[in-house]
Protein backbone atom coordinates (compact mmCIF):
# COMPACT_ATOMS: atom_id res chain seq x y z
CA MET A 1 172.40 190.91 130.33
CA VAL A 2 169.88 190.26 133.05
CA GLY A 3 167.03 191.05 130.66
CA LEU A 4 168.39 188.66 128.01
CA LEU A 5 168.76 185.91 130.58
CA VAL A 6 165.15 186.37 131.68
CA LEU A 7 163.93 186.17 128.06
CA LEU A 8 165.98 183.01 127.50
CA LEU A 9 164.52 181.35 130.56
CA LEU A 10 160.98 182.25 129.45
CA ALA A 11 161.61 180.83 125.98
CA VAL A 12 163.00 177.57 127.41
CA GLY A 13 160.04 177.25 129.79
CA TYR A 14 157.55 177.85 126.98
CA GLY A 15 159.25 175.17 124.82
CA VAL A 16 159.22 172.60 127.64
CA GLN A 17 155.52 173.26 128.30
CA HIS A 18 154.65 172.95 124.60
CA PHE A 19 156.59 169.65 124.34
CA TRP A 20 154.90 168.24 127.45
CA LEU A 21 151.38 169.05 126.29
CA GLY A 22 151.97 167.62 122.76
CA ARG A 23 153.19 164.17 123.87
CA PRO A 24 151.02 161.08 122.82
CA GLN A 25 148.60 159.74 125.41
CA GLN A 26 146.72 156.39 125.70
CA VAL A 27 142.94 156.55 125.28
CA SER A 28 140.67 153.61 126.33
CA VAL A 29 138.00 152.50 123.82
CA PRO A 30 134.47 152.02 125.29
CA VAL A 31 133.16 148.44 125.03
CA THR A 32 129.59 147.99 123.70
CA ALA A 33 127.85 144.76 124.77
CA ALA A 34 126.23 142.78 121.94
CA PRO A 35 122.56 141.72 122.41
CA ALA A 36 122.28 138.22 123.80
CA SER A 37 120.74 135.55 121.60
CA PRO A 38 117.81 133.50 122.93
CA ALA A 39 118.82 130.26 124.60
CA GLY A 40 119.29 127.34 122.22
CA THR A 41 119.53 129.43 119.05
CA THR A 42 122.46 130.22 116.80
CA PRO A 43 122.75 133.79 115.51
CA GLY A 44 122.44 134.02 111.76
CA PRO A 45 124.43 136.17 109.38
CA THR A 46 123.96 139.91 109.46
CA PRO A 47 122.07 141.59 106.60
CA GLU A 48 125.41 142.90 105.29
CA ALA A 49 126.92 139.40 105.32
CA ALA A 50 123.85 137.95 103.58
CA ALA A 51 124.03 140.67 100.92
CA PHE A 52 127.64 139.72 100.06
CA GLY A 53 126.93 135.95 100.02
CA GLU A 54 128.75 135.04 103.24
CA ALA A 55 127.97 131.59 104.58
CA ALA A 56 125.82 131.09 107.66
CA PRO A 57 127.67 130.22 110.88
CA ALA A 58 128.48 126.58 111.52
CA GLY A 59 125.65 124.65 113.17
CA ALA A 60 122.87 126.79 111.68
CA VAL A 61 120.19 124.63 110.06
CA ALA A 62 117.92 126.13 107.42
CA PRO A 63 114.23 125.16 107.87
CA ARG A 64 112.86 122.76 105.29
CA PRO A 65 109.40 123.28 103.84
CA SER A 66 107.04 120.48 104.79
CA PRO A 67 105.88 118.48 101.76
CA GLY A 68 102.22 118.88 100.93
CA PRO A 69 99.88 115.95 100.57
CA VAL A 70 100.01 114.16 97.23
CA ALA A 71 96.62 114.12 95.48
CA GLU A 72 95.85 110.58 94.31
CA VAL A 73 92.89 108.44 93.35
CA VAL A 74 92.48 104.70 93.86
CA VAL A 75 90.46 102.79 91.27
CA ASP A 76 89.60 99.14 90.73
CA VAL A 77 90.42 98.01 87.19
CA SER A 78 88.78 94.65 86.57
CA GLY A 79 87.50 92.49 83.76
CA LYS A 80 89.45 91.81 80.59
CA VAL A 81 92.77 93.47 81.42
CA ARG A 82 96.20 91.89 81.78
CA HIS A 83 96.73 92.85 85.42
CA PRO A 84 93.39 93.53 87.17
CA GLY A 85 93.30 95.01 90.65
CA LEU A 86 93.60 98.27 92.54
CA ARG A 87 95.64 101.03 90.93
CA THR A 88 96.79 104.30 92.56
CA LEU A 89 97.04 107.17 90.07
CA PRO A 90 97.57 110.94 90.31
CA ARG A 91 94.39 112.96 90.63
CA GLY A 92 93.28 114.13 87.21
CA SER A 93 94.20 110.84 85.50
CA ARG A 94 91.80 109.44 82.92
CA VAL A 95 90.35 106.02 82.12
CA ALA A 96 93.06 105.47 79.50
CA ASP A 97 95.72 105.96 82.18
CA ALA A 98 94.05 103.37 84.42
CA LEU A 99 93.99 100.82 81.57
CA ARG A 100 97.69 101.40 80.90
CA ALA A 101 98.45 100.94 84.60
CA ALA A 102 96.64 97.57 84.46
CA GLY A 103 98.67 96.41 81.47
CA GLY A 104 96.02 97.24 78.88
CA PRO A 105 93.01 95.23 77.69
CA VAL A 106 93.51 91.62 76.67
CA ARG A 107 93.21 90.71 73.00
CA GLY A 108 89.62 90.77 71.85
CA ALA A 109 88.30 92.82 74.79
CA ASP A 110 85.55 95.26 73.83
CA THR A 111 86.33 98.80 75.08
CA THR A 112 83.80 100.68 72.97
CA GLY A 113 81.61 101.25 76.03
CA LEU A 114 84.40 103.04 77.89
CA ASN A 115 85.01 106.75 77.66
CA LEU A 116 88.83 106.69 77.67
CA ALA A 117 89.02 110.48 78.10
CA ARG A 118 86.87 110.58 81.26
CA VAL A 119 88.57 111.86 84.43
CA LEU A 120 88.78 109.24 87.17
CA THR A 121 87.07 109.58 90.55
CA ASP A 122 88.41 108.06 93.75
CA GLY A 123 86.97 104.64 94.61
CA GLU A 124 85.35 103.87 91.26
CA GLN A 125 85.49 100.59 89.35
CA ILE A 126 86.45 100.34 85.70
CA LEU A 127 85.08 97.14 84.21
CA VAL A 128 86.54 96.13 80.85
CA GLY A 129 84.36 93.56 79.10
CA ALA A 130 82.86 90.94 81.40
CA PRO A 131 83.89 87.45 82.58
CA GLY A 132 82.71 84.59 80.40
CA GLY A 133 82.82 86.53 77.14
CA ALA A 134 79.79 88.74 77.80
CA PRO A 135 79.64 91.70 75.44
CA GLY A 136 79.84 94.48 78.06
CA PRO A 137 80.28 95.36 81.70
CA ALA A 138 76.62 94.88 82.46
CA ALA A 139 75.24 92.22 80.14
CA GLN A 140 71.49 92.27 79.74
CA PRO A 141 69.12 89.49 78.73
CA THR A 142 67.52 90.08 75.36
CA GLY A 143 64.33 92.08 75.55
CA GLY A 144 64.37 92.43 79.35
CA ALA A 145 65.53 94.65 82.17
CA PRO A 146 69.19 94.62 83.27
CA ALA A 147 70.27 91.54 85.20
CA GLY A 148 71.61 93.75 88.01
CA PRO A 149 72.46 97.35 88.87
CA ILE A 150 74.59 99.01 86.21
CA SER A 151 77.35 101.52 86.83
CA LEU A 152 76.56 105.11 85.90
CA ASN A 153 80.29 105.68 85.31
CA THR A 154 80.76 102.86 82.78
CA ALA A 155 77.31 102.31 81.23
CA THR A 156 76.84 103.01 77.53
CA VAL A 157 73.93 104.88 75.99
CA ASP A 158 72.31 101.57 75.00
CA GLN A 159 72.57 100.20 78.54
CA LEU A 160 71.03 103.33 80.02
CA ASP A 161 68.34 103.33 77.35
CA ALA A 162 67.34 99.82 78.47
CA LEU A 163 66.45 101.09 81.95
CA PRO A 164 62.71 101.56 82.56
CA GLY A 165 61.59 105.07 81.68
CA VAL A 166 64.93 106.08 80.14
CA GLY A 167 64.98 106.79 76.43
CA PRO A 168 67.87 107.73 74.13
CA VAL A 169 67.56 111.45 74.96
CA LEU A 170 67.70 110.97 78.74
CA ALA A 171 70.50 108.42 78.36
CA ARG A 172 72.56 111.03 76.49
CA HIS A 173 71.81 113.59 79.23
CA ILE A 174 73.21 111.16 81.81
CA ILE A 175 76.36 110.58 79.72
CA GLU A 176 76.82 114.34 79.20
CA TYR A 177 76.51 115.00 82.95
CA ARG A 178 79.03 112.21 83.65
CA ASP A 179 81.58 113.65 81.21
CA ALA A 180 81.10 117.23 82.42
CA HIS A 181 81.52 116.40 86.12
CA GLY A 182 84.19 113.69 85.91
CA GLY A 183 81.81 110.85 86.74
CA PHE A 184 79.23 110.04 89.41
CA THR A 185 80.29 109.76 93.04
CA SER A 186 76.78 108.90 94.28
CA VAL A 187 73.45 107.81 92.82
CA GLU A 188 71.82 110.96 94.24
CA GLN A 189 73.59 113.01 91.58
CA LEU A 190 71.00 111.70 89.12
CA ARG A 191 68.66 114.37 90.55
CA GLN A 192 70.90 116.99 88.88
CA VAL A 193 70.49 115.45 85.41
CA THR A 194 68.10 117.26 83.12
CA GLY A 195 64.86 115.31 82.77
CA ILE A 196 65.07 113.34 86.03
CA GLY A 197 62.59 114.38 88.70
CA ASP A 198 61.74 112.84 92.06
CA ARG A 199 59.49 110.16 90.57
CA LYS A 200 62.01 109.17 87.91
CA TYR A 201 64.83 109.13 90.48
CA ALA A 202 62.85 106.84 92.80
CA GLU A 203 62.34 104.45 89.89
CA LEU A 204 65.99 104.44 88.75
CA SER A 205 67.94 104.58 92.02
CA PRO A 206 67.58 100.84 92.86
CA LEU A 207 68.77 99.88 89.36
CA VAL A 208 72.07 101.82 89.21
CA THR A 209 75.32 102.32 91.12
CA PRO A 210 77.97 105.07 90.84
C-alpha cells in the first residue's frame, strides 16, 4: 500500500509539473524604429505600393517638367498684303505661311518674284509688290543700276542679273544658295556663293542687304 501511494504521489506531481510548464505565456514584440524622413519632405509610396497602383500620400506633389523654349521667328510682311506688319511664326515656317498670316496678297499683287517654299529666317522682311504700283520689291530704272540696295532674300534672278558684274549664271548660284540655306542672314554669306571672290564681294556688298 505504501508503494502504491508513493507511485500515485509521483504521478500527480509529474502531471502538475507538465500542466504548469505548458501554460500560455505573454511574449513582447520588439519595436523597430522607421528611418526618419528629411525635414520638410513627405515620404512617398513604397515600391510595393507603387507596383500595385496605390495612391501617393496626401500632400505629396509630383514635380512638373519645365516647359522648353518655343522656337519662333519674327518677320516683317510688307507691301501689297491685306494686313502688313510684324508676324510671329513657328520656326520652320515658309514664305507662304507668312503671307497667310498677313491676310494674303491684295488683288493684282505680283508674287512671281517670291519663293513661297523658302524657309523663313528670323528678322527678315518679305516685300510683296511695291508701293505705288511698281512691278517688284526693288524696282529698277530702265537700263540702269538698281535704285537702292536689293534684298538677297527676295530678289529675283532678273534683279540680281542687273547688278554690276552679275550675270544669269551667278544670279542662279545666289538663288540656289538662298534656297539651300533657308535665306541670307548677312551679306557676308555672299562669299560662300560659287563664283564670288573677294573682289566681286567688295563690289556687290554695298548694293545688297540680307
